[in-house]
Amino acid sequence: MTIDVRPASVFADVRALLGPKSERSSVCWCLSHRLPSKANNELRGPARGAYVEELCRSGPPPGVLAYDGDEPVGWAAVAPRADTSFARNRKIPHVDDLPVWSLWCVRVRPGHRKQGISHSLIAGAVDFARARGAPAIEAYPLDNGAARVDLTMAYAGLRKNFERAGFVHAADTTSVLAGHPRVLMRLDLR
C-alpha cells in the first residue's frame, strides 16, 4: 500500500473523513480548536460543513489528507498556532514567541488503522507547514506510555508517534485528555 498525503482542498474528501452521517448533526468537523469557543458553539448543523468547505476553497487548506489510491483514509489538522485556540489556551504553554504551526488532530478511518497511516499524516503535515514557511511545528499528544487509549480520544495523537517523526518534548502541559496528560512536542523546521 502506498499512501499519498495531499493538502485538504477537496471538500468531498474532507467530508468523507470528518463529516456526520446526518447533515443536521453538529459534529466537530475539526473546528473545536480552529475557532474561538463562542464561535465554535454557535456554529451548528450544516453551517459547520459550509465553514469547512470555505476553508478548503480559501488558502491555505485546513490540513492534509492521506489517500490510498483515490480513497481518502486519513486526516491531520494543521495551521498557524496564531489562527487556533492554542494561541489563547491556558493549559498548553507557549515555549517562545516563534510563529509556530500547530498539529492537533490525526484521524485514520476505521478499516485502515494500524497500517502506518498516522505516521504518513504527521510527515505530510510537517511538509505542508514547512512549504508554507513555518519555522517550527508543535503537537499536543497524549503521553500515555504503554496504556491503552480510547480511539475516540486518540485524535490528539500519541507522544511515541511524534517522537518517531523527530519531534522533541518541549514542555509539559496541564491539559489532560482521556485520563492521560498531554505534552507539547516540537519539531524545528529552520
Protein backbone atom coordinates (compact mmCIF):
# COMPACT_ATOMS: atom_id res chain seq x y z
CA MET A 1 0.00 0.00 0.00
CA THR A 2 1.29 3.43 -0.96
CA ILE A 3 -0.12 6.37 0.98
CA ASP A 4 -0.12 9.79 -0.65
CA VAL A 5 -0.61 12.84 1.59
CA ARG A 6 -2.04 15.97 -0.04
CA PRO A 7 -3.41 19.34 1.08
CA ALA A 8 -7.06 19.05 2.13
CA SER A 9 -8.50 21.17 -0.65
CA VAL A 10 -11.19 18.72 -1.89
CA PHE A 11 -14.18 19.24 0.38
CA ALA A 12 -15.91 15.97 -0.55
CA ASP A 13 -12.83 14.09 0.69
CA VAL A 14 -12.67 16.13 3.91
CA ARG A 15 -16.39 15.47 4.43
CA ALA A 16 -15.78 11.72 3.99
CA LEU A 17 -13.39 11.82 6.95
CA LEU A 18 -14.87 14.48 9.22
CA GLY A 19 -18.49 14.93 8.24
CA PRO A 20 -21.50 13.49 10.03
CA LYS A 21 -23.83 10.84 8.65
CA SER A 22 -26.67 13.33 9.06
CA GLU A 23 -26.10 16.84 7.68
CA ARG A 24 -28.06 18.26 10.62
CA SER A 25 -25.57 16.87 13.14
CA SER A 26 -23.17 19.28 14.85
CA VAL A 27 -20.07 17.08 14.91
CA CYS A 28 -16.65 18.60 15.46
CA TRP A 29 -15.54 18.92 11.79
CA CYS A 30 -12.14 19.61 13.45
CA LEU A 31 -13.28 23.14 14.25
CA SER A 32 -13.09 22.92 18.05
CA HIS A 33 -9.51 24.21 18.13
CA ARG A 34 -9.69 26.25 14.95
CA LEU A 35 -12.39 28.63 16.19
CA PRO A 36 -12.81 30.63 19.38
CA SER A 37 -15.08 28.78 21.80
CA LYS A 38 -18.09 31.10 21.34
CA ALA A 39 -17.96 30.89 17.54
CA ASN A 40 -17.49 27.13 17.68
CA ASN A 41 -20.53 26.72 19.94
CA GLU A 42 -22.69 28.98 17.78
CA LEU A 43 -21.84 27.22 14.51
CA ARG A 44 -24.42 24.43 14.26
CA GLY A 45 -25.50 21.69 11.85
CA PRO A 46 -24.95 22.31 8.13
CA ALA A 47 -23.23 25.64 8.85
CA ARG A 48 -20.26 23.70 10.25
CA GLY A 49 -19.77 21.82 6.98
CA ALA A 50 -20.22 25.04 4.99
CA TYR A 51 -17.50 26.68 7.08
CA VAL A 52 -15.09 23.82 6.40
CA GLU A 53 -15.99 23.88 2.70
CA GLU A 54 -14.96 27.55 2.59
CA LEU A 55 -11.69 26.70 4.36
CA CYS A 56 -10.99 24.11 1.65
CA ARG A 57 -11.58 26.72 -1.07
CA SER A 58 -9.60 29.52 0.54
CA GLY A 59 -5.95 29.25 1.37
CA PRO A 60 -4.27 27.55 3.00
CA PRO A 61 -6.35 24.36 3.19
CA PRO A 62 -7.32 23.35 6.75
CA GLY A 63 -4.97 20.37 6.89
CA VAL A 64 -3.84 17.35 4.94
CA LEU A 65 -5.49 14.14 3.78
CA ALA A 66 -3.94 10.71 3.33
CA TYR A 67 -5.06 8.75 0.28
CA ASP A 68 -4.85 5.09 -0.53
CA GLY A 69 -5.23 5.39 -4.29
CA ASP A 70 -8.21 7.73 -4.73
CA GLU A 71 -9.75 6.90 -1.35
CA PRO A 72 -9.27 9.39 1.50
CA VAL A 73 -8.23 7.33 4.53
CA GLY A 74 -6.76 9.86 6.98
CA TRP A 75 -6.83 13.47 8.12
CA ALA A 76 -4.49 15.79 10.02
CA ALA A 77 -5.41 19.33 11.09
CA VAL A 78 -2.54 21.79 10.82
CA ALA A 79 -2.49 25.59 10.83
CA PRO A 80 -0.54 28.51 12.26
CA ARG A 81 -0.96 28.41 16.05
CA ALA A 82 -1.99 32.09 15.92
CA ASP A 83 -5.06 31.00 13.93
CA THR A 84 -6.15 28.41 16.51
CA SER A 85 -7.42 28.32 20.08
CA PHE A 86 -3.96 27.13 21.10
CA ALA A 87 -2.86 30.76 20.76
CA ARG A 88 -5.00 31.52 23.83
CA ASN A 89 -5.03 28.17 25.63
CA ARG A 90 -4.05 28.46 29.31
CA LYS A 91 -3.29 24.74 29.69
CA ILE A 92 -0.84 24.45 26.81
CA PRO A 93 2.10 26.85 27.25
CA HIS A 94 3.93 28.91 24.67
CA VAL A 95 7.58 27.88 24.61
CA ASP A 96 8.67 31.14 22.96
CA ASP A 97 7.42 33.79 20.53
CA LEU A 98 8.27 31.82 17.38
CA PRO A 99 5.25 31.84 15.00
CA VAL A 100 4.88 28.06 15.11
CA TRP A 101 2.22 25.94 13.45
CA SER A 102 0.02 23.54 15.40
CA LEU A 103 -0.82 19.95 14.51
CA TRP A 104 -3.71 18.98 16.76
CA CYS A 105 -5.73 16.19 15.18
CA VAL A 106 -4.71 12.96 13.46
CA ARG A 107 -7.54 10.70 12.35
CA VAL A 108 -7.45 7.44 10.40
CA ARG A 109 -10.64 5.84 9.09
CA PRO A 110 -11.78 2.56 10.60
CA GLY A 111 -10.58 -0.33 8.46
CA HIS A 112 -7.33 1.49 7.69
CA ARG A 113 -5.81 1.72 11.16
CA LYS A 114 -2.57 0.04 12.27
CA GLN A 115 -1.07 0.41 8.80
CA GLY A 116 1.23 3.37 9.46
CA ILE A 117 -1.14 5.99 8.04
CA SER A 118 -0.83 8.22 11.12
CA HIS A 119 2.94 8.34 10.54
CA SER A 120 2.34 9.41 6.93
CA LEU A 121 -0.12 12.07 8.11
CA ILE A 122 2.35 13.53 10.61
CA ALA A 123 5.08 13.65 7.94
CA GLY A 124 2.65 15.18 5.45
CA ALA A 125 1.54 17.84 7.95
CA VAL A 126 5.17 18.71 8.62
CA ASP A 127 5.85 19.06 4.88
CA PHE A 128 2.67 21.16 4.48
CA ALA A 129 3.72 23.57 7.25
CA ARG A 130 7.33 23.74 6.04
CA ALA A 131 6.20 24.56 2.48
CA ARG A 132 4.19 27.47 3.89
CA GLY A 133 7.14 28.92 5.79
CA ALA A 134 6.55 27.54 9.29
CA PRO A 135 9.72 27.87 11.38
CA ALA A 136 8.56 25.04 13.67
CA ILE A 137 5.54 22.82 14.20
CA GLU A 138 4.03 21.79 17.51
CA ALA A 139 1.73 18.97 18.55
CA TYR A 140 -0.02 18.29 21.85
CA PRO A 141 -0.27 14.49 22.00
CA LEU A 142 -1.18 12.16 24.82
CA ASP A 143 1.70 10.91 26.94
CA ASN A 144 0.09 7.51 27.53
CA GLY A 145 3.21 5.37 27.95
CA ALA A 146 2.08 1.79 27.30
CA ALA A 147 -1.51 2.42 28.45
CA ARG A 148 -4.37 1.91 26.01
CA VAL A 149 -6.18 4.95 24.67
CA ASP A 150 -9.85 5.12 23.72
CA LEU A 151 -9.79 5.62 19.94
CA THR A 152 -12.35 8.43 20.11
CA MET A 153 -9.90 10.41 22.23
CA ALA A 154 -6.73 9.47 20.35
CA TYR A 155 -7.23 12.29 17.84
CA ALA A 156 -4.51 14.34 19.60
CA GLY A 157 -2.00 11.66 18.68
CA LEU A 158 0.43 9.71 20.82
CA ARG A 159 3.78 11.01 22.05
CA LYS A 160 5.68 7.99 20.69
CA ASN A 161 4.40 8.65 17.15
CA PHE A 162 5.61 12.24 17.25
CA GLU A 163 8.98 11.16 18.67
CA ARG A 164 9.34 8.77 15.72
CA ALA A 165 8.75 11.75 13.43
CA GLY A 166 11.58 13.71 15.06
CA PHE A 167 9.53 15.89 17.42
CA VAL A 168 11.06 16.53 20.83
CA HIS A 169 9.45 17.20 24.19
CA ALA A 170 9.37 21.00 24.57
CA ALA A 171 7.14 21.42 27.62
CA ASP A 172 4.69 19.76 29.92
CA THR A 173 1.10 20.98 29.88
CA THR A 174 -1.74 20.97 32.40
CA SER A 175 -4.06 19.53 29.76
CA VAL A 176 -5.42 16.02 30.27
CA LEU A 177 -7.35 14.05 27.66
CA ALA A 178 -8.97 10.67 28.28
CA GLY A 179 -7.13 10.45 31.60
CA HIS A 180 -3.70 10.93 30.02
CA PRO A 181 -1.51 14.02 30.31
CA ARG A 182 -0.72 15.89 27.13
CA VAL A 183 2.76 17.14 26.33
CA LEU A 184 3.95 19.83 23.96
CA MET A 185 6.14 18.29 21.26
CA ARG A 186 8.00 20.45 18.77
CA LEU A 187 9.91 19.99 15.53
CA ASP A 188 12.19 22.81 14.40
CA LEU A 189 11.88 23.36 10.63
CA ARG A 190 14.59 26.01 10.21
